[in-house]
Amino acid sequence: MSVDRLTNTVRPYAWGSVTAIPELLGTEPTGEPQAEMWMGAHPGAPSLLDRGAGPVSLADVVASDPEAELGAATAGRFGPRLPFLLKILAADAPLSLQVHPDLQQARAGFAEENERGVPADAPHRNYKDAGHKPELLCALTPFEGLCGFRRPERTADLLDALGVDELKPHADTLRTLPEEQALREVLTAVLAADRDAFAGTADAAARAAARLADADGPHRAACAAYAAIARHHPGDPGVVAAMLLNHVVLRPGEALHLPAGVPHAYLGGLGVEIMANSDNVLRCGLTPKHVDVPELLRVVRFTTTEPAVLHPEADGGGEELYRTPAEEFRLSRYVLAPDGAPRTLPGGTAQILLCTEGEAELTDPGGRSVVLTPGRSAYLAASAGPVRLAGRGTVFRATTPP
């Protein structure tokens, strides 16, 4: 087959939705959270495919013939591994507040921890591999998150509105010091504070945020998000750290690009996520996992950032591209009308097709076809040749850039 149907793993993280992924797939909920469905060749949960000899891992398929599966250019650039990971993400509770290193930082950090003999599976290890992890999240439902530092003076206004005495020095810092210094000093003070001693301040800030969320004003939507975070993570310094960040709500079809060094957290919603095939995450809070404050502060970019909300750009041939500078991945979508002309997907590169709405049929040059319904996906090897796409609904296409 030129088109391989994928069997994918669903990860049951505690923050996941019990219903969102089952509703997409048309299956019965298990009663447990279903947070992410992985599509790709990540060693933690590679997709399976069957070319006639039984199910095999996509990671093994790629490694067995990288040039045929990935294309010569991609294999030469990234080696014998699929360089991206595609996911369906269903958040019903806040994920950890986190940041990703850039490629140079990841390589240096990975080598340094290896040299010190830090076990690969140690809970205090920061760098799981030598790669970076740029991300793109495209909303399938309204999707809420935090992304990048808000302008210091606006955050100072928010802290003043909360009326918590312990936060007033931070508001003064944000108003009086240069931007980078102010953001660094406040985040350092919050994350380096004794957790037990700071819990009262975090809880007071959460109560004040809940009051502002119930009143008209410029901080209403953001404070509703901060209050919700605090309900899941009472007393966590990350509750106050989150207040330094922009609050953003994506509408279906909008996407958020997350480059290295930008602190962020997903709060709730269903989306399609694509990322470089790496596990490198440095956490800032809202998690019981290891938080390495000195290393985190070395990686964070202390500059204000408006959330990079992207809209798909039509190319005239039916493909709509979410444009980013990422070298490892390229995400686009096709919105297929029942009476529309079929589309042709070029070969030459590995690609994963994911249906999120309706029904789509993929037909290879030999006339063999695979039908995708919501939540189902297929893999096309670089050597597959052009494939015909027809049907109705929405199909996302994950590839590497040309």
Protein backbone atom coordinates (compact mmCIF):
# COMPACT_ATOMS: atom_id res chain seq x y z
CA MET A 1 0.00 0.00 0.00
CA SER A 2 1.13 3.53 -0.74
CA VAL A 3 -1.20 4.81 1.96
CA ASP A 4 -0.86 3.27 5.44
CA ARG A 5 -3.65 3.55 7.96
CA LEU A 6 -2.22 4.34 11.42
CA THR A 7 -3.11 2.85 14.78
CA ASN A 8 -2.28 5.41 17.45
CA THR A 9 -1.78 5.51 21.22
CA VAL A 10 -3.89 7.69 23.50
CA ARG A 11 -2.05 8.99 26.58
CA PRO A 12 -4.17 9.16 29.78
CA TYR A 13 -2.59 12.17 31.51
CA ALA A 14 -4.53 13.51 34.50
CA TRP A 15 -5.25 16.90 32.86
CA GLY A 16 -6.98 15.28 29.88
CA SER A 17 -10.66 15.33 29.00
CA VAL A 18 -12.74 12.23 29.67
CA THR A 19 -14.99 12.87 26.65
CA ALA A 20 -13.35 15.05 23.96
CA ILE A 21 -11.21 12.45 22.16
CA PRO A 22 -13.88 9.71 22.39
CA GLU A 23 -16.45 12.13 20.93
CA LEU A 24 -14.09 12.92 18.04
CA LEU A 25 -13.44 9.25 17.39
CA GLY A 26 -17.07 8.21 17.89
CA THR A 27 -16.14 5.77 20.66
CA GLU A 28 -17.38 5.26 24.20
CA PRO A 29 -15.47 7.08 26.97
CA THR A 30 -13.44 4.82 29.22
CA GLY A 31 -14.13 6.93 32.30
CA GLU A 32 -10.45 7.90 32.47
CA PRO A 33 -8.87 11.11 31.13
CA GLN A 34 -7.72 10.87 27.50
CA ALA A 35 -5.26 13.72 27.03
CA GLU A 36 -3.25 13.17 23.84
CA MET A 37 -3.34 10.91 20.81
CA TRP A 38 0.12 10.59 19.24
CA MET A 39 0.68 10.19 15.50
CA GLY A 40 4.24 9.63 14.43
CA ALA A 41 7.39 7.74 15.30
CA HIS A 42 8.24 9.01 18.78
CA PRO A 43 9.87 6.15 20.72
CA GLY A 44 7.53 6.75 23.66
CA ALA A 45 4.42 5.76 21.70
CA PRO A 46 5.05 5.18 17.98
CA SER A 47 2.12 4.68 15.65
CA LEU A 48 1.60 1.23 14.17
CA LEU A 49 0.93 0.28 10.55
CA ASP A 50 0.44 -2.99 8.71
CA ARG A 51 1.89 -3.64 5.28
CA GLY A 52 0.79 -7.25 5.19
CA ALA A 53 3.03 -8.88 7.78
CA GLY A 54 1.26 -7.67 10.89
CA PRO A 55 1.48 -4.43 12.90
CA VAL A 56 4.89 -2.74 12.99
CA SER A 57 6.12 0.47 14.56
CA LEU A 58 6.38 3.49 12.27
CA ALA A 59 9.72 4.21 13.97
CA ASP A 60 11.03 0.82 12.82
CA VAL A 61 9.62 1.32 9.33
CA VAL A 62 11.39 4.67 8.97
CA ALA A 63 14.66 3.34 10.38
CA SER A 64 14.63 0.39 7.97
CA ASP A 65 14.76 2.59 4.83
CA PRO A 66 15.04 6.30 5.72
CA GLU A 67 15.39 7.60 2.17
CA ALA A 68 12.34 5.75 0.85
CA GLU A 69 10.23 6.70 3.87
CA LEU A 70 11.39 10.28 4.54
CA GLY A 71 12.92 11.36 1.25
CA ALA A 72 16.64 11.87 0.68
CA ALA A 73 16.63 15.53 1.74
CA THR A 74 14.82 14.94 5.05
CA ALA A 75 16.87 11.83 5.89
CA GLY A 76 20.07 13.69 5.12
CA ARG A 77 19.09 16.60 7.32
CA PHE A 78 17.52 14.86 10.31
CA GLY A 79 18.81 11.30 10.13
CA PRO A 80 16.74 8.08 10.16
CA ARG A 81 13.83 9.45 12.21
CA LEU A 82 10.61 11.28 11.48
CA PRO A 83 11.43 14.82 12.64
CA PHE A 84 7.93 15.79 13.79
CA LEU A 85 5.20 14.47 16.07
CA LEU A 86 1.51 15.15 15.43
CA LYS A 87 -1.04 15.00 18.26
CA ILE A 88 -4.66 15.52 19.11
CA LEU A 89 -4.61 17.30 22.46
CA ALA A 90 -7.67 17.43 24.75
CA ALA A 91 -7.14 19.54 27.88
CA ASP A 92 -9.75 19.70 30.63
CA ALA A 93 -7.37 21.15 33.24
CA PRO A 94 -4.27 23.35 33.04
CA LEU A 95 -1.03 21.82 31.83
CA SER A 96 2.23 22.79 33.52
CA LEU A 97 3.63 26.27 32.97
CA GLN A 98 6.68 25.57 30.80
CA VAL A 99 9.29 26.73 28.32
CA HIS A 100 11.37 24.96 25.66
CA PRO A 101 15.11 25.46 25.04
CA ASP A 102 16.51 26.44 21.68
CA LEU A 103 18.62 23.96 19.73
CA GLN A 104 21.98 25.20 21.04
CA GLN A 105 20.75 25.15 24.65
CA ALA A 106 19.31 21.66 24.23
CA ARG A 107 22.52 20.25 22.77
CA ALA A 108 24.65 21.83 25.49
CA GLY A 109 22.29 20.82 28.30
CA PHE A 110 21.98 17.24 27.07
CA ALA A 111 25.76 16.86 26.77
CA GLU A 112 26.37 18.41 30.19
CA GLU A 113 23.89 16.12 31.95
CA ASN A 114 25.34 13.10 30.16
CA GLU A 115 28.82 14.12 31.27
CA ARG A 116 27.61 14.36 34.88
CA GLY A 117 26.09 10.89 34.60
CA VAL A 118 22.49 11.95 35.20
CA PRO A 119 20.36 8.87 34.37
CA ALA A 120 18.19 9.26 31.30
CA ASP A 121 15.05 8.51 33.31
CA ALA A 122 15.95 10.55 36.39
CA PRO A 123 13.03 12.75 37.50
CA HIS A 124 15.38 15.69 38.02
CA ARG A 125 16.86 15.47 34.52
CA ASN A 126 16.10 18.54 32.38
CA TYR A 127 17.23 17.42 28.92
CA LYS A 128 15.88 14.13 27.57
CA ASP A 129 17.55 14.53 24.17
CA ALA A 130 19.64 16.96 22.15
CA GLY A 131 16.73 18.49 20.24
CA HIS A 132 14.60 21.58 20.56
CA LYS A 133 10.81 21.57 20.61
CA PRO A 134 9.07 24.34 18.66
CA GLU A 135 5.30 23.76 18.68
CA LEU A 136 2.14 24.76 16.86
CA LEU A 137 -1.35 24.26 18.31
CA CYS A 138 -4.40 24.60 16.06
CA ALA A 139 -7.77 24.85 17.81
CA LEU A 140 -10.60 22.48 16.91
CA THR A 141 -12.82 24.00 19.62
CA PRO A 142 -12.36 27.29 21.50
CA PHE A 143 -8.96 26.77 23.11
CA GLU A 144 -7.60 28.71 26.07
CA GLY A 145 -3.97 29.24 27.02
CA LEU A 146 -1.24 31.51 28.32
CA CYS A 147 1.59 32.59 26.04
CA GLY A 148 4.49 35.00 26.45
CA PHE A 149 5.09 37.84 28.87
CA ARG A 150 2.53 40.63 28.99
CA ARG A 151 3.92 44.19 28.94
CA PRO A 152 5.22 44.93 32.47
CA GLU A 153 3.07 48.02 33.01
CA ARG A 154 -0.07 46.08 32.14
CA THR A 155 0.86 43.31 34.55
CA ALA A 156 1.55 45.94 37.22
CA ASP A 157 -1.99 47.26 36.68
CA LEU A 158 -3.32 43.73 37.16
CA LEU A 159 -1.34 43.17 40.36
CA ASP A 160 -2.58 46.50 41.74
CA ALA A 161 -6.16 45.54 40.90
CA LEU A 162 -5.74 42.31 42.87
CA GLY A 163 -5.02 44.36 45.99
CA VAL A 164 -2.69 41.78 47.58
CA ASP A 165 -0.11 43.59 49.72
CA GLU A 166 2.62 41.01 49.14
CA LEU A 167 2.42 41.62 45.37
CA LYS A 168 2.83 45.41 45.55
CA PRO A 169 6.66 45.27 45.46
CA HIS A 170 6.43 43.21 42.28
CA ALA A 171 4.12 45.80 40.71
CA ASP A 172 6.64 48.52 41.61
CA THR A 173 9.46 46.49 40.06
CA LEU A 174 7.49 46.03 36.85
CA ARG A 175 6.84 49.77 36.59
CA THR A 176 10.29 51.10 37.43
CA LEU A 177 12.93 48.73 36.01
CA PRO A 178 13.78 48.09 32.35
CA GLU A 179 11.59 45.41 30.81
CA GLU A 180 14.02 42.48 30.77
CA GLN A 181 15.33 43.18 34.26
CA ALA A 182 11.84 43.67 35.68
CA LEU A 183 10.47 40.42 34.25
CA ARG A 184 13.54 38.47 35.35
CA GLU A 185 13.47 39.83 38.91
CA VAL A 186 9.76 39.18 39.44
CA LEU A 187 9.75 35.68 37.97
CA THR A 188 12.90 34.81 39.95
CA ALA A 189 11.40 36.09 43.19
CA VAL A 190 8.19 34.11 42.68
CA LEU A 191 9.78 30.79 41.67
CA ALA A 192 12.66 30.95 44.17
CA ALA A 193 10.37 31.69 47.14
CA ASP A 194 9.84 29.06 49.78
CA ARG A 195 6.77 27.18 48.56
CA ASP A 196 5.11 26.86 51.95
CA ALA A 197 5.79 30.48 52.85
CA PHE A 198 4.50 31.69 49.47
CA ALA A 199 1.33 29.59 49.51
CA GLY A 200 -0.65 32.25 51.39
CA THR A 201 0.26 34.88 48.81
CA ALA A 202 -0.70 32.58 45.94
CA ASP A 203 -4.03 31.78 47.58
CA ALA A 204 -4.76 35.47 48.28
CA ALA A 205 -3.98 36.30 44.64
CA ALA A 206 -6.31 33.50 43.52
CA ARG A 207 -9.19 34.77 45.69
CA ALA A 208 -8.70 38.28 44.35
CA ALA A 209 -8.61 36.97 40.78
CA ALA A 210 -11.90 35.15 41.37
CA ARG A 211 -13.49 38.43 42.54
CA LEU A 212 -12.25 40.29 39.45
CA ALA A 213 -13.50 37.46 37.23
CA ASP A 214 -17.03 38.13 38.52
CA ALA A 215 -16.90 41.88 37.81
CA ASP A 216 -16.74 43.94 34.64
CA GLY A 217 -13.27 45.25 33.90
CA PRO A 218 -10.19 44.87 31.70
CA HIS A 219 -8.85 41.88 33.64
CA ARG A 220 -12.04 39.81 33.78
CA ALA A 221 -11.22 37.07 31.27
CA ALA A 222 -7.60 36.66 32.36
CA CYS A 223 -8.56 36.57 36.04
CA ALA A 224 -11.13 33.85 35.36
CA ALA A 225 -8.29 31.79 33.89
CA TYR A 226 -5.97 32.48 36.85
CA ALA A 227 -8.71 31.57 39.32
CA ALA A 228 -9.33 28.30 37.46
CA ILE A 229 -5.61 27.51 37.53
CA ALA A 230 -5.55 28.09 41.29
CA ARG A 231 -8.44 25.69 41.85
CA HIS A 232 -6.32 22.95 40.31
CA HIS A 233 -3.04 24.07 41.93
CA PRO A 234 -3.80 25.80 45.25
CA GLY A 235 -0.84 27.56 46.81
CA ASP A 236 1.42 26.92 43.82
CA PRO A 237 3.86 29.78 43.03
CA GLY A 238 3.03 29.07 39.38
CA VAL A 239 -0.36 30.71 39.97
CA VAL A 240 1.38 34.08 40.40
CA ALA A 241 3.96 33.31 37.69
CA ALA A 242 1.04 32.71 35.31
CA MET A 243 -0.18 36.25 35.99
CA LEU A 244 2.86 37.58 34.14
CA LEU A 245 1.67 35.99 30.89
CA ASN A 246 -0.77 36.92 28.15
CA HIS A 247 -4.14 35.19 28.26
CA VAL A 248 -5.32 34.00 24.84
CA VAL A 249 -8.42 32.23 23.51
CA LEU A 250 -8.19 30.67 20.05
CA ARG A 251 -11.24 30.26 17.88
CA PRO A 252 -11.58 27.04 15.87
CA GLY A 253 -9.15 27.16 12.97
CA GLU A 254 -6.78 29.61 14.67
CA ALA A 255 -3.34 28.44 15.76
CA LEU A 256 -0.67 29.42 18.27
CA HIS A 257 3.04 29.17 17.49
CA LEU A 258 5.36 28.57 20.46
CA PRO A 259 9.05 29.18 19.72
CA ALA A 260 11.91 28.52 22.12
CA GLY A 261 12.20 30.55 25.29
CA VAL A 262 8.55 31.65 25.43
CA PRO A 263 6.77 30.61 28.66
CA HIS A 264 3.33 29.15 28.07
CA ALA A 265 0.60 26.85 29.35
CA TYR A 266 -2.43 25.24 27.75
CA LEU A 267 -5.55 25.60 29.89
CA GLY A 268 -8.44 23.91 28.09
CA GLY A 269 -9.86 22.84 24.74
CA LEU A 270 -9.38 20.40 21.87
CA GLY A 271 -6.72 20.97 19.24
CA VAL A 272 -4.27 19.54 16.74
CA GLU A 273 -0.66 19.98 17.87
CA ILE A 274 2.54 19.48 15.91
CA MET A 275 6.06 19.76 17.27
CA ALA A 276 9.64 18.79 16.69
CA ASN A 277 10.20 15.22 17.85
CA SER A 278 11.77 16.10 21.22
CA ASP A 279 10.93 15.75 24.92
CA ASN A 280 12.77 18.82 26.19
CA VAL A 281 10.59 20.82 28.60
CA LEU A 282 11.62 23.08 31.48
CA ARG A 283 8.76 23.61 33.90
CA CYS A 284 7.96 26.85 35.72
CA GLY A 285 5.16 25.62 37.95
CA LEU A 286 1.64 24.13 38.10
CA THR A 287 3.16 20.68 38.34
CA PRO A 288 4.45 18.21 40.92
CA LYS A 289 7.37 17.48 38.58
CA HIS A 290 10.91 18.83 38.92
CA VAL A 291 11.38 22.59 38.55
CA ASP A 292 15.02 23.63 38.04
CA VAL A 293 14.77 27.37 38.64
CA PRO A 294 18.37 28.35 37.71
CA GLU A 295 18.24 26.41 34.42
CA LEU A 296 14.78 27.71 33.67
CA LEU A 297 15.90 31.30 34.15
CA ARG A 298 18.79 30.67 31.76
CA VAL A 299 16.44 29.46 29.03
CA VAL A 300 13.51 31.91 29.35
CA ARG A 301 13.54 34.92 27.04
CA PHE A 302 12.60 37.89 29.18
CA THR A 303 10.93 39.96 26.50
CA THR A 304 7.28 40.83 26.05
CA THR A 305 5.54 38.84 23.35
CA GLU A 306 2.10 39.21 21.87
CA PRO A 307 0.63 35.74 21.30
CA ALA A 308 1.52 34.63 17.77
CA VAL A 309 -2.00 33.74 16.64
CA LEU A 310 -1.92 32.35 13.12
CA HIS A 311 -4.61 32.01 10.49
CA PRO A 312 -4.34 29.54 7.59
CA GLU A 313 -3.06 30.98 4.32
CA ALA A 314 -4.72 29.60 1.19
CA ASP A 315 -2.39 28.70 -1.69
CA GLY A 316 -5.03 28.63 -4.42
CA GLY A 317 -4.83 24.84 -4.77
CA GLY A 318 -7.03 24.01 -1.80
CA GLU A 319 -4.26 23.75 0.77
CA GLU A 320 -4.27 26.20 3.71
CA LEU A 321 -0.90 26.60 5.41
CA TYR A 322 -0.09 27.58 9.00
CA ARG A 323 3.19 29.35 8.33
CA THR A 324 5.99 29.09 10.93
CA PRO A 325 9.81 29.21 10.78
CA ALA A 326 10.09 25.64 12.12
CA GLU A 327 12.47 23.43 10.13
CA GLU A 328 11.12 20.12 11.40
CA PHE A 329 7.44 20.47 10.57
CA ARG A 330 4.88 22.05 8.30
CA LEU A 331 1.15 21.96 9.12
CA SER A 332 -1.63 22.66 6.65
CA ARG A 333 -5.27 21.69 6.19
CA TYR A 334 -7.77 20.96 3.46
CA VAL A 335 -11.41 21.94 3.91
CA LEU A 336 -13.18 19.65 1.46
CA ALA A 337 -16.59 20.48 0.02
CA PRO A 338 -18.84 17.57 -1.07
CA ASP A 339 -19.03 18.91 -4.61
CA GLY A 340 -15.45 20.19 -4.71
CA ALA A 341 -12.69 18.97 -6.98
CA PRO A 342 -10.34 16.30 -5.61
CA ARG A 343 -6.94 17.50 -4.42
CA THR A 344 -3.57 15.99 -5.28
CA LEU A 345 -1.04 15.52 -2.49
CA PRO A 346 2.49 15.52 -3.91
CA GLY A 347 4.97 12.83 -2.90
CA GLY A 348 8.65 13.16 -2.14
CA THR A 349 8.33 13.63 1.61
CA ALA A 350 6.85 11.72 4.55
CA GLN A 351 3.44 12.99 5.59
CA ILE A 352 0.65 12.21 8.03
CA LEU A 353 -2.97 12.97 7.16
CA LEU A 354 -5.50 13.43 9.97
CA CYS A 355 -9.24 13.79 9.46
CA THR A 356 -10.98 15.94 12.09
CA GLU A 357 -14.39 16.37 10.46
CA GLY A 358 -16.47 14.58 7.83
CA GLU A 359 -14.96 11.84 5.70
CA ALA A 360 -11.98 11.79 3.34
CA GLU A 361 -10.70 9.21 0.87
CA LEU A 362 -7.02 8.86 0.00
CA THR A 363 -6.33 7.04 -3.28
CA ASP A 364 -2.85 6.01 -4.43
CA PRO A 365 -1.63 5.89 -8.06
CA GLY A 366 -2.60 2.19 -8.24
CA GLY A 367 -6.23 2.94 -7.37
CA ARG A 368 -6.09 1.56 -3.81
CA SER A 369 -7.79 3.74 -1.22
CA VAL A 370 -8.13 4.40 2.51
CA VAL A 371 -11.12 6.21 4.01
CA LEU A 372 -10.53 8.47 7.02
CA THR A 373 -13.23 9.52 9.49
CA PRO A 374 -12.79 11.94 12.42
CA GLY A 375 -9.77 11.13 14.55
CA ARG A 376 -8.35 8.62 12.05
CA SER A 377 -5.03 9.14 10.32
CA ALA A 378 -2.79 7.77 7.59
CA TYR A 379 0.89 7.81 6.74
CA LEU A 380 2.31 8.44 3.28
CA ALA A 381 5.94 7.53 2.66
CA ALA A 382 8.06 9.83 0.52
CA SER A 383 8.16 7.14 -2.18
CA ALA A 384 4.38 6.81 -2.30
CA GLY A 385 3.94 9.20 -5.22
CA PRO A 386 1.04 11.64 -5.64
CA VAL A 387 -2.12 10.69 -3.75
CA ARG A 388 -5.65 11.83 -4.52
CA LEU A 389 -7.65 13.40 -1.67
CA ALA A 390 -11.44 13.67 -1.97
CA GLY A 391 -14.49 13.80 0.25
CA ARG A 392 -16.02 16.33 2.60
CA GLY A 393 -14.84 17.84 5.86
CA THR A 394 -11.40 18.78 7.19
CA VAL A 395 -8.07 17.02 6.82
CA PHE A 396 -4.81 18.21 8.39
CA ARG A 397 -1.53 17.47 6.60
CA ALA A 398 1.73 17.22 8.53
CA THR A 399 5.02 17.19 6.60
CA THR A 400 8.50 18.67 6.71
CA PRO A 401 9.10 21.96 4.87
CA PRO A 402 10.49 21.68 1.32
